N, C-alpha and C. Protein backbone atom coordinates (compact mmCIF):
# COMPACT_ATOMS: atom_id res chain seq x y z
N MET A 1 82.10 132.66 -192.77
CA MET A 1 83.29 132.20 -193.53
C MET A 1 84.06 133.54 -193.73
N VAL A 2 83.38 134.57 -194.24
CA VAL A 2 84.12 135.75 -194.54
C VAL A 2 84.57 136.51 -193.39
N ASP A 3 83.70 136.47 -192.37
CA ASP A 3 84.08 137.05 -190.96
C ASP A 3 85.25 136.37 -190.38
N GLY A 4 85.37 135.08 -190.50
CA GLY A 4 86.44 134.29 -190.00
C GLY A 4 87.72 134.69 -190.68
N LEU A 5 87.67 134.82 -192.07
CA LEU A 5 88.81 135.12 -192.84
C LEU A 5 89.20 136.62 -192.47
N ARG A 6 88.27 137.44 -192.24
CA ARG A 6 88.58 138.85 -192.01
C ARG A 6 89.38 138.97 -190.62
N ILE A 7 88.83 138.21 -189.71
CA ILE A 7 89.53 138.12 -188.35
C ILE A 7 90.98 137.53 -188.41
N LEU A 8 91.03 136.52 -189.29
CA LEU A 8 92.32 135.88 -189.34
C LEU A 8 93.35 136.81 -190.01
N MET A 9 92.89 137.51 -191.09
CA MET A 9 93.76 138.54 -191.75
C MET A 9 94.19 139.57 -190.88
N GLY A 10 93.16 140.13 -190.06
CA GLY A 10 93.35 141.19 -189.14
C GLY A 10 94.46 140.75 -188.10
N ARG A 11 94.37 139.48 -187.60
CA ARG A 11 95.36 139.02 -186.65
C ARG A 11 96.68 138.91 -187.32
N ALA A 12 96.72 138.43 -188.53
CA ALA A 12 98.07 138.33 -189.23
C ALA A 12 98.68 139.56 -189.52
N LEU A 13 97.97 140.61 -189.77
CA LEU A 13 98.45 142.00 -190.12
C LEU A 13 98.95 142.73 -188.82
N SER A 14 98.37 142.28 -187.70
CA SER A 14 98.74 143.01 -186.42
C SER A 14 99.60 142.11 -185.51
N PHE A 15 100.29 141.13 -186.14
CA PHE A 15 101.19 140.20 -185.44
C PHE A 15 102.38 141.07 -184.96
N ARG A 16 102.78 140.71 -183.67
CA ARG A 16 103.98 141.30 -182.93
C ARG A 16 104.79 140.30 -182.36
N LEU A 17 105.95 140.63 -182.03
CA LEU A 17 106.88 139.75 -181.38
C LEU A 17 106.37 139.27 -180.08
N GLU A 18 105.74 140.11 -179.38
CA GLU A 18 105.18 139.72 -178.08
C GLU A 18 104.20 138.52 -178.19
N ASP A 19 103.59 138.45 -179.42
CA ASP A 19 102.51 137.40 -179.50
C ASP A 19 103.18 136.05 -179.44
N LEU A 20 104.41 135.94 -179.94
CA LEU A 20 105.13 134.65 -179.92
C LEU A 20 105.42 134.28 -178.53
N LYS A 21 105.62 135.16 -177.56
CA LYS A 21 106.06 134.92 -176.20
C LYS A 21 104.80 134.39 -175.30
N ARG A 22 103.61 134.73 -175.69
CA ARG A 22 102.50 134.40 -174.98
C ARG A 22 102.31 132.94 -174.81
N GLU A 23 101.77 132.41 -173.80
CA GLU A 23 101.47 131.07 -173.57
C GLU A 23 100.07 130.61 -173.89
N GLU A 24 99.19 131.45 -173.92
CA GLU A 24 97.76 131.20 -174.22
C GLU A 24 97.49 131.33 -175.61
N GLY A 25 96.45 130.60 -176.15
CA GLY A 25 96.04 130.77 -177.46
C GLY A 25 96.80 129.82 -178.41
N GLN A 26 96.79 130.06 -179.68
CA GLN A 26 97.39 129.14 -180.59
C GLN A 26 98.91 129.41 -180.79
N THR A 27 99.68 128.23 -180.99
CA THR A 27 101.05 128.34 -181.16
C THR A 27 101.33 128.60 -182.62
N THR A 28 102.58 128.91 -182.91
CA THR A 28 103.02 129.25 -184.29
C THR A 28 102.84 128.03 -185.15
N PRO A 29 103.15 126.86 -184.73
CA PRO A 29 102.91 125.70 -185.65
C PRO A 29 101.40 125.52 -186.01
N GLU A 30 100.49 125.80 -185.00
CA GLU A 30 99.11 125.71 -185.28
C GLU A 30 98.67 126.79 -186.32
N TRP A 31 99.16 127.93 -186.19
CA TRP A 31 98.87 129.05 -187.14
C TRP A 31 99.36 128.59 -188.56
N ALA A 32 100.58 128.05 -188.62
CA ALA A 32 101.13 127.60 -189.83
C ALA A 32 100.20 126.45 -190.54
N VAL A 33 99.65 125.72 -189.76
CA VAL A 33 98.75 124.75 -190.30
C VAL A 33 97.47 125.43 -190.78
N VAL A 34 96.93 126.29 -190.03
CA VAL A 34 95.75 127.08 -190.47
C VAL A 34 95.97 127.82 -191.84
N VAL A 35 97.09 128.51 -191.89
CA VAL A 35 97.46 129.17 -193.12
C VAL A 35 97.70 128.29 -194.29
N ALA A 36 98.28 127.12 -194.03
CA ALA A 36 98.55 126.16 -195.23
C ALA A 36 97.22 125.60 -195.58
N LEU A 37 96.28 125.38 -194.76
CA LEU A 37 94.91 124.91 -195.11
C LEU A 37 94.12 125.97 -195.96
N VAL A 38 94.24 127.26 -195.50
CA VAL A 38 93.58 128.35 -196.25
C VAL A 38 94.16 128.43 -197.67
N ILE A 39 95.46 128.34 -197.67
CA ILE A 39 96.06 128.37 -199.06
C ILE A 39 95.76 127.20 -199.93
N ALA A 40 95.70 126.08 -199.37
CA ALA A 40 95.29 124.87 -200.07
C ALA A 40 93.86 124.97 -200.57
N LEU A 41 92.87 125.50 -199.71
CA LEU A 41 91.56 125.68 -200.11
C LEU A 41 91.45 126.73 -201.23
N ALA A 42 92.14 127.78 -201.18
CA ALA A 42 92.08 128.79 -202.15
C ALA A 42 92.55 128.39 -203.43
N VAL A 43 93.64 127.56 -203.45
CA VAL A 43 94.12 126.95 -204.74
C VAL A 43 93.09 125.97 -205.25
N ALA A 44 92.49 125.11 -204.45
CA ALA A 44 91.52 124.21 -204.96
C ALA A 44 90.28 125.01 -205.50
N ALA A 45 89.89 126.05 -204.82
CA ALA A 45 88.76 126.76 -205.41
C ALA A 45 89.06 127.44 -206.77
N PHE A 46 90.28 127.96 -206.91
CA PHE A 46 90.72 128.50 -208.18
C PHE A 46 90.73 127.44 -209.25
N LEU A 47 91.18 126.32 -208.95
CA LEU A 47 91.23 125.22 -209.96
C LEU A 47 89.78 124.74 -210.28
N VAL A 48 88.89 124.64 -209.27
CA VAL A 48 87.54 124.31 -209.72
C VAL A 48 86.82 125.37 -210.55
N LEU A 49 87.05 126.78 -210.15
CA LEU A 49 86.33 127.81 -210.74
C LEU A 49 86.93 128.16 -212.04
N THR A 50 88.15 127.83 -212.43
CA THR A 50 88.72 128.27 -213.72
C THR A 50 87.98 127.89 -214.90
N PRO A 51 87.56 126.64 -214.99
CA PRO A 51 86.73 126.37 -216.19
C PRO A 51 85.41 127.07 -216.39
N VAL A 52 84.77 127.34 -215.20
CA VAL A 52 83.56 128.11 -215.17
C VAL A 52 83.78 129.53 -215.54
N MET A 53 84.80 130.16 -215.10
CA MET A 53 85.10 131.48 -215.45
C MET A 53 85.52 131.56 -216.93
N GLN A 54 86.21 130.64 -217.47
CA GLN A 54 86.59 130.67 -218.82
C GLN A 54 85.30 130.68 -219.73
N SER A 55 84.38 129.84 -219.24
CA SER A 55 83.12 129.58 -220.02
C SER A 55 82.41 130.95 -220.10
N VAL A 56 82.40 131.67 -218.86
CA VAL A 56 81.66 132.83 -218.79
C VAL A 56 82.31 133.90 -219.59
N MET A 57 83.62 134.05 -219.60
CA MET A 57 84.34 134.98 -220.33
C MET A 57 84.18 134.73 -221.83
N ARG A 58 84.22 133.48 -222.33
CA ARG A 58 83.93 133.14 -223.74
C ARG A 58 82.57 133.66 -224.15
N SER A 59 81.59 133.39 -223.35
CA SER A 59 80.21 133.81 -223.57
C SER A 59 80.13 135.29 -223.74
N ILE A 60 80.73 136.08 -222.80
CA ILE A 60 80.76 137.49 -222.74
C ILE A 60 81.50 137.99 -224.07
N GLY A 61 82.56 137.41 -224.38
CA GLY A 61 83.30 137.73 -225.58
C GLY A 61 82.52 137.52 -226.88
N SER A 62 81.86 136.42 -226.98
CA SER A 62 81.13 136.22 -228.17
C SER A 62 79.89 137.08 -228.29
N SER A 63 79.26 137.40 -227.17
CA SER A 63 78.16 138.28 -227.12
C SER A 63 78.64 139.77 -227.61
N ILE A 64 79.81 140.21 -227.18
CA ILE A 64 80.21 141.51 -227.65
C ILE A 64 80.65 141.42 -229.08
N THR A 65 81.26 140.38 -229.55
CA THR A 65 81.60 140.23 -230.97
C THR A 65 80.46 140.12 -231.84
N ASN A 66 79.30 139.48 -231.38
CA ASN A 66 78.03 139.40 -232.23
C ASN A 66 77.32 140.71 -232.13
N ALA A 67 77.55 141.51 -231.09
CA ALA A 67 76.73 142.81 -231.04
C ALA A 67 77.33 143.89 -231.99
N LEU A 68 78.75 143.71 -232.24
CA LEU A 68 79.31 144.73 -233.18
C LEU A 68 78.76 144.65 -234.54
N PRO A 69 78.62 145.79 -235.25
CA PRO A 69 78.08 145.86 -236.61
C PRO A 69 79.02 145.21 -237.62
């Protein structure tokens, strides 16, 4: 998963005008769908992980507060 994301980001950062003119490979609408899906998955992951991270941060904060003299 991480390697796939790294490859996708590498391709996005090295995008050139000539890439739009090529006939082989994925077309621009296909890339738009892939990018939209990645963004949707990222937003969903953040929404799911937010309560977990809030709980962890509260626990760390209370541990620090209780450790102070």
